[in-house]
Each structure stands twice: as C-alpha cells, then as structure tokens.
N, C-alpha and C. Protein backbone atom coordinates (compact mmCIF):
# COMPACT_ATOMS: atom_id res chain seq x y z
N UNK A 1 60.39 -63.09 -218.56
CA UNK A 1 61.30 -62.77 -217.48
C UNK A 1 62.27 -61.69 -217.95
N UNK A 2 62.51 -60.75 -217.11
CA UNK A 2 63.42 -59.66 -217.43
C UNK A 2 64.86 -60.10 -217.30
N UNK A 3 65.72 -59.54 -218.11
CA UNK A 3 67.14 -59.87 -218.01
C UNK A 3 67.85 -58.92 -217.04
N UNK A 4 67.09 -58.11 -216.32
CA UNK A 4 67.69 -57.13 -215.41
C UNK A 4 67.89 -57.65 -214.00
N UNK A 5 67.39 -58.78 -213.69
CA UNK A 5 67.55 -59.32 -212.34
C UNK A 5 66.44 -58.86 -211.43
N UNK A 6 66.25 -59.59 -210.37
CA UNK A 6 65.18 -59.30 -209.44
C UNK A 6 65.76 -59.21 -208.04
N UNK A 7 65.54 -58.07 -207.42
CA UNK A 7 65.93 -57.88 -206.03
C UNK A 7 64.75 -58.33 -205.18
N UNK A 8 65.03 -59.09 -204.12
CA UNK A 8 63.96 -59.60 -203.28
C UNK A 8 63.26 -58.47 -202.55
N UNK A 9 61.95 -58.56 -202.47
CA UNK A 9 61.18 -57.60 -201.69
C UNK A 9 61.37 -57.87 -200.20
N UNK A 10 60.80 -57.02 -199.38
CA UNK A 10 60.97 -57.12 -197.94
C UNK A 10 60.43 -58.43 -197.39
N UNK A 11 59.22 -58.80 -197.78
CA UNK A 11 58.62 -60.04 -197.27
C UNK A 11 59.37 -61.27 -197.74
N UNK A 12 59.74 -61.29 -199.01
CA UNK A 12 60.47 -62.45 -199.54
C UNK A 12 61.84 -62.56 -198.88
N UNK A 13 62.52 -61.44 -198.71
CA UNK A 13 63.82 -61.45 -198.05
C UNK A 13 63.69 -61.94 -196.62
N UNK A 14 62.65 -61.48 -195.93
CA UNK A 14 62.43 -61.90 -194.55
C UNK A 14 62.19 -63.41 -194.49
N UNK A 15 61.36 -63.94 -195.38
CA UNK A 15 61.08 -65.38 -195.39
C UNK A 15 62.34 -66.19 -195.66
N UNK A 16 63.11 -65.79 -196.65
CA UNK A 16 64.34 -66.51 -196.98
C UNK A 16 65.29 -66.49 -195.80
N UNK A 17 65.46 -65.34 -195.18
CA UNK A 17 66.40 -65.24 -194.08
C UNK A 17 65.94 -66.00 -192.83
N UNK A 18 64.65 -65.97 -192.53
CA UNK A 18 64.15 -66.72 -191.36
C UNK A 18 64.39 -68.22 -191.55
N UNK A 19 64.03 -68.73 -192.72
CA UNK A 19 64.21 -70.16 -192.98
C UNK A 19 65.69 -70.52 -193.00
N UNK A 20 66.49 -69.69 -193.63
CA UNK A 20 67.93 -69.95 -193.73
C UNK A 20 68.59 -69.94 -192.35
N UNK A 21 68.31 -68.91 -191.57
CA UNK A 21 68.94 -68.80 -190.25
C UNK A 21 68.41 -69.84 -189.28
N UNK A 22 67.16 -70.28 -189.45
CA UNK A 22 66.65 -71.37 -188.61
C UNK A 22 67.43 -72.65 -188.88
N UNK A 23 67.68 -72.94 -190.15
CA UNK A 23 68.46 -74.13 -190.50
C UNK A 23 69.90 -74.01 -189.98
N UNK A 24 70.51 -72.86 -190.17
CA UNK A 24 71.90 -72.67 -189.74
C UNK A 24 72.03 -72.74 -188.22
N UNK A 25 71.20 -71.98 -187.52
CA UNK A 25 71.33 -71.92 -186.06
C UNK A 25 70.94 -73.23 -185.38
N UNK A 26 69.93 -73.91 -185.90
CA UNK A 26 69.58 -75.20 -185.30
C UNK A 26 70.72 -76.21 -185.48
N UNK A 27 71.38 -76.16 -186.62
CA UNK A 27 72.54 -77.03 -186.83
C UNK A 27 73.71 -76.67 -185.92
N UNK A 28 73.97 -75.38 -185.78
CA UNK A 28 75.08 -74.95 -184.91
C UNK A 28 74.80 -75.28 -183.45
N UNK A 29 73.56 -75.08 -183.00
CA UNK A 29 73.21 -75.44 -181.61
C UNK A 29 73.28 -76.94 -181.40
N UNK A 30 72.88 -77.72 -182.41
CA UNK A 30 72.97 -79.18 -182.31
C UNK A 30 74.43 -79.60 -182.14
N UNK A 31 75.32 -78.99 -182.92
CA UNK A 31 76.75 -79.28 -182.79
C UNK A 31 77.24 -78.89 -181.39
N UNK A 32 76.87 -77.69 -180.95
CA UNK A 32 77.32 -77.21 -179.65
C UNK A 32 76.86 -78.09 -178.49
N UNK A 33 75.61 -78.57 -178.54
CA UNK A 33 75.12 -79.43 -177.47
C UNK A 33 75.79 -80.80 -177.47
N UNK A 34 76.31 -81.20 -178.61
CA UNK A 34 76.92 -82.52 -178.70
C UNK A 34 78.37 -82.59 -178.27
N UNK A 35 79.01 -81.45 -178.11
CA UNK A 35 80.44 -81.46 -177.77
C UNK A 35 80.75 -82.16 -176.46
N UNK A 36 79.97 -81.92 -175.44
CA UNK A 36 80.30 -82.49 -174.14
C UNK A 36 79.62 -83.81 -173.84
N UNK A 37 78.86 -84.34 -174.78
CA UNK A 37 78.10 -85.56 -174.51
C UNK A 37 78.90 -86.82 -174.80
N UNK A 38 78.71 -87.79 -173.92
CA UNK A 38 79.29 -89.12 -174.15
C UNK A 38 78.40 -89.85 -175.15
N UNK A 39 78.97 -90.37 -176.25
CA UNK A 39 78.13 -91.02 -177.27
C UNK A 39 77.37 -92.25 -176.74
N UNK A 40 77.84 -92.82 -175.63
CA UNK A 40 77.18 -94.02 -175.09
C UNK A 40 76.13 -93.70 -174.03
N UNK A 41 76.05 -92.45 -173.57
CA UNK A 41 75.10 -92.06 -172.54
C UNK A 41 73.78 -91.63 -173.18
N UNK A 42 72.84 -92.55 -173.26
CA UNK A 42 71.57 -92.28 -173.94
C UNK A 42 70.53 -91.65 -173.02
N UNK A 43 70.85 -91.46 -171.74
CA UNK A 43 69.88 -90.93 -170.79
C UNK A 43 70.22 -89.51 -170.34
N UNK A 44 71.20 -88.90 -170.98
CA UNK A 44 71.56 -87.52 -170.63
C UNK A 44 70.42 -86.59 -171.04
N UNK A 45 70.06 -85.61 -170.18
CA UNK A 45 68.93 -84.73 -170.51
C UNK A 45 69.11 -83.91 -171.80
N UNK A 46 70.35 -83.65 -172.20
CA UNK A 46 70.56 -82.89 -173.43
C UNK A 46 70.25 -83.68 -174.69
N UNK A 47 70.17 -85.01 -174.56
CA UNK A 47 69.84 -85.83 -175.74
C UNK A 47 68.47 -85.45 -176.31
N UNK A 48 67.51 -85.21 -175.44
CA UNK A 48 66.17 -84.83 -175.90
C UNK A 48 66.19 -83.49 -176.63
N UNK A 49 66.94 -82.54 -176.11
CA UNK A 49 67.05 -81.23 -176.77
C UNK A 49 67.79 -81.35 -178.09
N UNK A 50 68.80 -82.19 -178.11
CA UNK A 50 69.53 -82.39 -179.37
C UNK A 50 68.62 -82.99 -180.43
N UNK A 51 67.78 -83.93 -180.01
CA UNK A 51 66.85 -84.54 -180.97
C UNK A 51 65.87 -83.50 -181.50
N UNK A 52 65.34 -82.66 -180.61
CA UNK A 52 64.41 -81.61 -181.05
C UNK A 52 65.08 -80.65 -182.03
N UNK A 53 66.32 -80.30 -181.75
CA UNK A 53 67.07 -79.41 -182.66
C UNK A 53 67.29 -80.08 -184.01
N UNK A 54 67.57 -81.37 -183.99
CA UNK A 54 67.80 -82.09 -185.25
C UNK A 54 66.52 -82.14 -186.08
N UNK A 55 65.38 -82.34 -185.43
CA UNK A 55 64.09 -82.33 -186.15
C UNK A 55 63.84 -80.94 -186.73
N UNK A 56 64.05 -79.88 -185.92
CA UNK A 56 63.88 -78.51 -186.41
C UNK A 56 64.82 -78.25 -187.58
N UNK A 57 66.04 -78.74 -187.49
CA UNK A 57 67.02 -78.56 -188.56
C UNK A 57 66.55 -79.24 -189.85
N UNK A 58 66.05 -80.45 -189.72
CA UNK A 58 65.57 -81.18 -190.90
C UNK A 58 64.37 -80.50 -191.55
N UNK A 59 63.41 -80.07 -190.74
CA UNK A 59 62.22 -79.40 -191.27
C UNK A 59 62.60 -78.08 -191.94
N UNK A 60 63.47 -77.31 -191.28
CA UNK A 60 63.86 -76.02 -191.87
C UNK A 60 64.71 -76.24 -193.13
N UNK A 61 65.47 -77.32 -193.18
CA UNK A 61 66.25 -77.61 -194.39
C UNK A 61 65.33 -77.92 -195.57
N UNK A 62 64.26 -78.70 -195.32
CA UNK A 62 63.29 -78.96 -196.38
C UNK A 62 62.61 -77.67 -196.83
N UNK A 63 62.26 -76.83 -195.88
CA UNK A 63 61.65 -75.55 -196.23
C UNK A 63 62.62 -74.68 -197.02
N UNK A 64 63.90 -74.72 -196.64
CA UNK A 64 64.91 -73.94 -197.35
C UNK A 64 65.05 -74.42 -198.79
N UNK A 65 65.01 -75.72 -199.01
CA UNK A 65 65.06 -76.23 -200.38
C UNK A 65 63.89 -75.71 -201.21
N UNK A 66 62.71 -75.67 -200.61
CA UNK A 66 61.53 -75.16 -201.32
C UNK A 66 61.69 -73.67 -201.62
N UNK A 67 62.14 -72.90 -200.64
CA UNK A 67 62.30 -71.45 -200.83
C UNK A 67 63.37 -71.16 -201.88
N UNK A 68 64.49 -71.83 -201.80
CA UNK A 68 65.57 -71.61 -202.77
C UNK A 68 65.11 -72.02 -204.17
N UNK A 69 64.34 -73.11 -204.26
CA UNK A 69 63.80 -73.51 -205.55
C UNK A 69 62.86 -72.47 -206.14
N UNK A 70 62.09 -71.82 -205.29
CA UNK A 70 61.18 -70.80 -205.80
C UNK A 70 61.92 -69.53 -206.22
N UNK A 71 63.11 -69.33 -205.69
CA UNK A 71 63.90 -68.16 -206.08
C UNK A 71 64.65 -68.37 -207.40
N UNK A 72 64.76 -69.60 -207.83
CA UNK A 72 65.65 -69.92 -208.94
C UNK A 72 65.31 -69.16 -210.22
N UNK A 73 64.07 -69.20 -210.66
CA UNK A 73 63.76 -68.64 -211.98
C UNK A 73 63.88 -67.13 -212.03
N UNK A 74 63.41 -66.43 -211.02
CA UNK A 74 63.46 -64.97 -211.10
C UNK A 74 64.74 -64.39 -210.48
N UNK A 75 64.97 -64.67 -209.23
CA UNK A 75 66.08 -64.03 -208.53
C UNK A 75 67.44 -64.53 -209.04
N UNK A 76 67.62 -65.83 -209.04
CA UNK A 76 68.93 -66.35 -209.42
C UNK A 76 69.21 -66.20 -210.91
N UNK A 77 68.31 -66.64 -211.75
CA UNK A 77 68.55 -66.56 -213.19
C UNK A 77 68.55 -65.12 -213.69
N UNK A 78 67.65 -64.30 -213.15
CA UNK A 78 67.60 -62.90 -213.56
C UNK A 78 68.87 -62.15 -213.20
N UNK A 79 69.36 -62.37 -211.99
CA UNK A 79 70.58 -61.69 -211.57
C UNK A 79 71.82 -62.28 -212.24
N UNK A 80 71.76 -63.54 -212.64
CA UNK A 80 72.88 -64.12 -213.39
C UNK A 80 72.97 -63.43 -214.76
N UNK A 81 71.83 -63.25 -215.41
CA UNK A 81 71.82 -62.57 -216.71
C UNK A 81 72.24 -61.11 -216.59
N UNK A 82 71.88 -60.49 -215.47
CA UNK A 82 72.25 -59.09 -215.25
C UNK A 82 73.68 -58.95 -214.74
N UNK A 83 74.36 -60.06 -214.55
CA UNK A 83 75.75 -60.10 -214.09
C UNK A 83 75.92 -59.45 -212.71
N UNK A 84 75.00 -59.77 -211.81
CA UNK A 84 75.06 -59.20 -210.46
C UNK A 84 75.36 -60.29 -209.44
N UNK A 85 76.31 -60.03 -208.58
CA UNK A 85 76.65 -60.90 -207.45
C UNK A 85 76.84 -62.36 -207.87
N UNK A 86 77.46 -62.55 -209.00
CA UNK A 86 77.64 -63.91 -209.50
C UNK A 86 78.51 -64.75 -208.58
N UNK A 87 79.61 -64.19 -208.09
CA UNK A 87 80.54 -64.99 -207.27
C UNK A 87 79.87 -65.44 -205.98
N UNK A 88 79.27 -64.51 -205.24
CA UNK A 88 78.66 -64.89 -203.97
C UNK A 88 77.42 -65.75 -204.19
N UNK A 89 76.66 -65.48 -205.24
CA UNK A 89 75.48 -66.29 -205.54
C UNK A 89 75.84 -67.70 -205.95
N UNK A 90 76.87 -67.83 -206.77
CA UNK A 90 77.31 -69.16 -207.21
C UNK A 90 77.89 -69.94 -206.03
N UNK A 91 78.68 -69.28 -205.18
CA UNK A 91 79.24 -69.96 -204.01
C UNK A 91 78.13 -70.41 -203.06
N UNK A 92 77.15 -69.56 -202.84
CA UNK A 92 76.04 -69.90 -201.95
C UNK A 92 75.20 -71.03 -202.53
N UNK A 93 74.91 -70.97 -203.82
CA UNK A 93 74.13 -72.03 -204.46
C UNK A 93 74.88 -73.35 -204.41
N UNK A 94 76.18 -73.32 -204.68
CA UNK A 94 76.98 -74.55 -204.61
C UNK A 94 77.03 -75.12 -203.20
N UNK A 95 77.19 -74.25 -202.21
CA UNK A 95 77.24 -74.71 -200.82
C UNK A 95 75.90 -75.33 -200.43
N UNK A 96 74.78 -74.70 -200.82
CA UNK A 96 73.47 -75.24 -200.48
C UNK A 96 73.22 -76.58 -201.17
N UNK A 97 73.69 -76.70 -202.40
CA UNK A 97 73.54 -77.98 -203.11
C UNK A 97 74.36 -79.07 -202.42
N UNK A 98 75.60 -78.75 -202.04
CA UNK A 98 76.43 -79.73 -201.33
C UNK A 98 75.86 -80.07 -199.96
N UNK A 99 75.26 -79.09 -199.28
CA UNK A 99 74.63 -79.36 -197.99
C UNK A 99 73.44 -80.30 -198.16
N UNK A 100 72.64 -80.09 -199.20
CA UNK A 100 71.50 -80.97 -199.45
C UNK A 100 71.97 -82.40 -199.74
N UNK A 101 73.00 -82.52 -200.57
CA UNK A 101 73.52 -83.86 -200.91
C UNK A 101 74.18 -84.53 -199.72
N UNK A 102 74.96 -83.79 -198.95
CA UNK A 102 75.61 -84.40 -197.79
C UNK A 102 74.58 -84.71 -196.70
N UNK A 103 73.50 -83.91 -196.61
CA UNK A 103 72.43 -84.23 -195.68
C UNK A 103 71.74 -85.54 -196.04
N UNK A 104 71.55 -85.76 -197.33
CA UNK A 104 70.97 -87.04 -197.78
C UNK A 104 71.88 -88.21 -197.45
N UNK A 105 73.19 -88.02 -197.58
CA UNK A 105 74.11 -89.12 -197.27
C UNK A 105 74.14 -89.43 -195.78
N UNK A 106 73.73 -88.47 -194.94
CA UNK A 106 73.64 -88.77 -193.52
C UNK A 106 72.45 -89.69 -193.23
N UNK A 107 71.37 -89.54 -194.01
CA UNK A 107 70.22 -90.44 -193.87
C UNK A 107 70.46 -91.77 -194.58
N UNK A 108 71.05 -91.69 -195.75
CA UNK A 108 71.28 -92.88 -196.58
C UNK A 108 72.75 -92.97 -196.97
N UNK A 109 73.62 -93.33 -196.03
CA UNK A 109 75.06 -93.36 -196.37
C UNK A 109 75.37 -94.49 -197.34
N UNK A 110 76.31 -94.23 -198.27
CA UNK A 110 76.69 -95.30 -199.20
C UNK A 110 77.33 -96.47 -198.45
N UNK A 111 78.00 -96.17 -197.35
CA UNK A 111 78.60 -97.19 -196.50
C UNK A 111 78.59 -96.64 -195.08
N UNK A 112 78.26 -97.46 -194.12
CA UNK A 112 78.12 -97.00 -192.73
C UNK A 112 79.42 -96.43 -192.17
N UNK A 113 80.55 -96.90 -192.65
CA UNK A 113 81.84 -96.38 -192.16
C UNK A 113 82.10 -94.94 -192.61
N UNK A 114 81.38 -94.48 -193.61
CA UNK A 114 81.60 -93.13 -194.13
C UNK A 114 80.77 -92.07 -193.43
N UNK A 115 79.85 -92.49 -192.55
CA UNK A 115 78.91 -91.56 -191.93
C UNK A 115 79.63 -90.44 -191.16
N UNK A 116 80.68 -90.76 -190.42
CA UNK A 116 81.40 -89.74 -189.65
C UNK A 116 82.05 -88.70 -190.56
N UNK A 117 82.61 -89.15 -191.67
CA UNK A 117 83.24 -88.22 -192.61
C UNK A 117 82.19 -87.30 -193.25
N UNK A 118 81.06 -87.86 -193.64
CA UNK A 118 79.99 -87.04 -194.22
C UNK A 118 79.43 -86.07 -193.19
N UNK A 119 79.33 -86.52 -191.94
CA UNK A 119 78.82 -85.66 -190.88
C UNK A 119 79.76 -84.48 -190.64
N UNK A 120 81.04 -84.74 -190.58
CA UNK A 120 82.01 -83.66 -190.38
C UNK A 120 81.99 -82.68 -191.55
N UNK A 121 81.94 -83.21 -192.77
CA UNK A 121 81.87 -82.35 -193.96
C UNK A 121 80.62 -81.48 -193.91
N UNK A 122 79.48 -82.07 -193.56
CA UNK A 122 78.21 -81.34 -193.50
C UNK A 122 78.27 -80.25 -192.43
N UNK A 123 78.85 -80.54 -191.30
CA UNK A 123 78.93 -79.57 -190.21
C UNK A 123 79.84 -78.40 -190.56
N UNK A 124 81.00 -78.68 -191.12
CA UNK A 124 81.93 -77.61 -191.49
C UNK A 124 81.34 -76.75 -192.60
N UNK A 125 80.77 -77.38 -193.61
CA UNK A 125 80.16 -76.63 -194.70
C UNK A 125 78.96 -75.82 -194.22
N UNK A 126 78.17 -76.39 -193.33
CA UNK A 126 77.02 -75.66 -192.79
C UNK A 126 77.43 -74.43 -192.02
N UNK A 127 78.47 -74.55 -191.20
CA UNK A 127 78.96 -73.39 -190.45
C UNK A 127 79.53 -72.34 -191.41
N UNK A 128 80.19 -72.78 -192.46
CA UNK A 128 80.75 -71.86 -193.45
C UNK A 128 79.65 -71.16 -194.24
N UNK A 129 78.54 -71.84 -194.42
CA UNK A 129 77.43 -71.25 -195.18
C UNK A 129 76.87 -70.03 -194.47
N UNK A 130 76.95 -69.99 -193.15
CA UNK A 130 76.51 -68.80 -192.42
C UNK A 130 77.28 -67.58 -192.90
N UNK A 131 78.57 -67.74 -193.12
CA UNK A 131 79.39 -66.63 -193.63
C UNK A 131 79.03 -66.30 -195.08
N UNK A 132 78.78 -67.32 -195.88
CA UNK A 132 78.40 -67.09 -197.28
C UNK A 132 77.08 -66.32 -197.38
N UNK A 133 76.15 -66.63 -196.51
CA UNK A 133 74.86 -65.92 -196.52
C UNK A 133 75.09 -64.44 -196.22
N UNK A 134 75.89 -64.17 -195.19
CA UNK A 134 76.17 -62.77 -194.83
C UNK A 134 76.89 -62.04 -195.96
N UNK A 135 77.85 -62.69 -196.60
CA UNK A 135 78.59 -62.08 -197.71
C UNK A 135 77.65 -61.79 -198.88
N UNK A 136 76.75 -62.73 -199.18
CA UNK A 136 75.83 -62.55 -200.31
C UNK A 136 74.86 -61.40 -200.04
N UNK A 137 74.36 -61.32 -198.83
CA UNK A 137 73.44 -60.22 -198.49
C UNK A 137 74.17 -58.89 -198.59
N UNK A 138 75.37 -58.83 -198.06
CA UNK A 138 76.16 -57.58 -198.09
C UNK A 138 76.50 -57.19 -199.52
N UNK A 139 76.90 -58.16 -200.33
CA UNK A 139 77.24 -57.87 -201.73
C UNK A 139 76.03 -57.34 -202.48
N UNK A 140 74.85 -57.90 -202.20
CA UNK A 140 73.63 -57.41 -202.84
C UNK A 140 73.31 -55.98 -202.46
N UNK A 141 73.51 -55.64 -201.19
CA UNK A 141 73.23 -54.28 -200.75
C UNK A 141 74.21 -53.29 -201.37
N UNK A 142 75.48 -53.66 -201.44
CA UNK A 142 76.49 -52.78 -202.05
C UNK A 142 76.19 -52.61 -203.54
N UNK A 143 75.86 -53.70 -204.22
CA UNK A 143 75.55 -53.64 -205.64
C UNK A 143 74.33 -52.76 -205.90
N UNK A 144 73.34 -52.88 -205.05
CA UNK A 144 72.13 -52.07 -205.22
C UNK A 144 72.44 -50.58 -205.02
N UNK A 145 73.25 -50.25 -204.03
CA UNK A 145 73.63 -48.86 -203.79
C UNK A 145 74.43 -48.30 -204.96
N UNK A 146 75.33 -49.09 -205.50
CA UNK A 146 76.17 -48.62 -206.61
C UNK A 146 75.33 -48.39 -207.87
N UNK A 147 74.31 -49.21 -208.09
CA UNK A 147 73.47 -49.03 -209.29
C UNK A 147 72.67 -47.75 -209.21
N UNK A 148 72.39 -47.27 -208.02
CA UNK A 148 71.61 -46.05 -207.87
C UNK A 148 72.47 -44.80 -208.05
N UNK A 149 73.81 -44.94 -208.04
CA UNK A 149 74.68 -43.77 -208.24
C UNK A 149 74.75 -43.43 -209.72
N UNK A 150 74.97 -42.16 -210.04
CA UNK A 150 75.15 -41.79 -211.46
C UNK A 150 76.34 -42.54 -212.05
N UNK A 151 76.31 -42.72 -213.36
CA UNK A 151 77.33 -43.52 -214.03
C UNK A 151 78.74 -42.99 -213.82
N UNK A 152 78.94 -41.72 -213.71
CA UNK A 152 80.29 -41.15 -213.57
C UNK A 152 80.62 -40.76 -212.13
N UNK A 153 79.89 -41.27 -211.17
CA UNK A 153 80.14 -40.94 -209.77
C UNK A 153 81.48 -41.54 -209.32
N UNK A 154 82.30 -40.79 -208.55
CA UNK A 154 83.62 -41.29 -208.13
C UNK A 154 83.56 -42.62 -207.37
N UNK A 155 82.55 -42.83 -206.54
CA UNK A 155 82.46 -44.08 -205.78
C UNK A 155 82.21 -45.26 -206.71
N UNK A 156 81.51 -45.02 -207.80
CA UNK A 156 81.21 -46.09 -208.74
C UNK A 156 82.43 -46.47 -209.57
N UNK A 157 83.38 -45.60 -209.71
CA UNK A 157 84.57 -45.86 -210.52
C UNK A 157 85.44 -46.98 -209.92
N UNK A 158 85.25 -47.27 -208.65
CA UNK A 158 86.04 -48.32 -208.02
C UNK A 158 85.51 -49.72 -208.29
N UNK A 159 84.30 -49.81 -208.81
CA UNK A 159 83.72 -51.09 -209.14
C UNK A 159 84.34 -51.58 -210.44
N UNK A 160 84.83 -52.80 -210.42
CA UNK A 160 85.47 -53.36 -211.61
C UNK A 160 84.42 -53.55 -212.70
N UNK A 161 84.74 -53.13 -213.86
CA UNK A 161 83.86 -53.32 -215.01
C UNK A 161 82.88 -52.19 -215.23
N UNK A 162 82.82 -51.19 -214.36
CA UNK A 162 81.89 -50.08 -214.61
C UNK A 162 82.60 -49.01 -215.43
N UNK A 163 81.81 -48.25 -216.15
CA UNK A 163 82.44 -47.20 -216.98
C UNK A 163 81.87 -45.85 -216.66
C-alpha cells in the first residue's frame, strides 16, 4: 500500500455517494413523514410509506457499512498516512461509527425506556452527517486542487503547513 493516499475514482465515488445519500435521505424523509402522525393511529396511510422508508434506510445502512469497510485500507489509511483531510475524515468516520452503534441500540436497546433518547440521538447525528459528507467531499476537492499547484504558488501559501 502506498503512503501517498488514494483518491476515489469516478465509479467508486459514485457508489459511495449513492449509498450514503440513500441512507441519509431515507432517514430524513422518515423523520419528516413522522412529524404529523399520531403515534396511536396505526391505520394512517403514511404509516406504510414510513415503513418502506425505514426498510430502505436499514438496507442502505448495511450497504454503507460494507462500502465504508472496503474503503478503510486504501482510502482512509492511505490518506491518513499522507496527512490529507484528517479532520473531516476522522469526524465522518466517528459519526458513521456512532450512527452504526446507535442504530443497533434502536433494534436492541439496553433498556426499553432509553429507546426515545437513542432515537433522538440517531436522528440528530444522522442529519448532521449529511453536512459532514458535504464538508469531506469539498475538503477533498480543495486538497486535490492545491496538490496540483506548484509548490511556491501564491494560492498554496495559504494552506497551513505547506512550504
């Protein structure tokens, strides 16, 4: 493995983003459909759509875990060694790990009284992860553009740690 880091190719980037945005958007739509529903009304027509969204969210979350796991050795570890996008990558990795753990606690809560707290935590963190994904993608594009500039280019001088 190279210590220079690996930038995702077009197909890999597309796959990661499709799976990631499917998980994020299905979760956000599930939250949005639930705002106006009475928790005791089990015959409301939106209940069926909410269930379908929750299934899509669960399937895409499992796929996201697989995709992120496949990125670990080359993309994550390589870019960590190359000291690229460490802050946004670490924040995104931590958020995804917490989302996976909090998602498990929604299926298997340590105590039934804690389910609402875990659900709220999972929802807030999931919505925040949408911003983290955008920040990480943007940081990668900026970093890639800066690496292509000559070492003494004026635009590159604003990057902390460059010489």
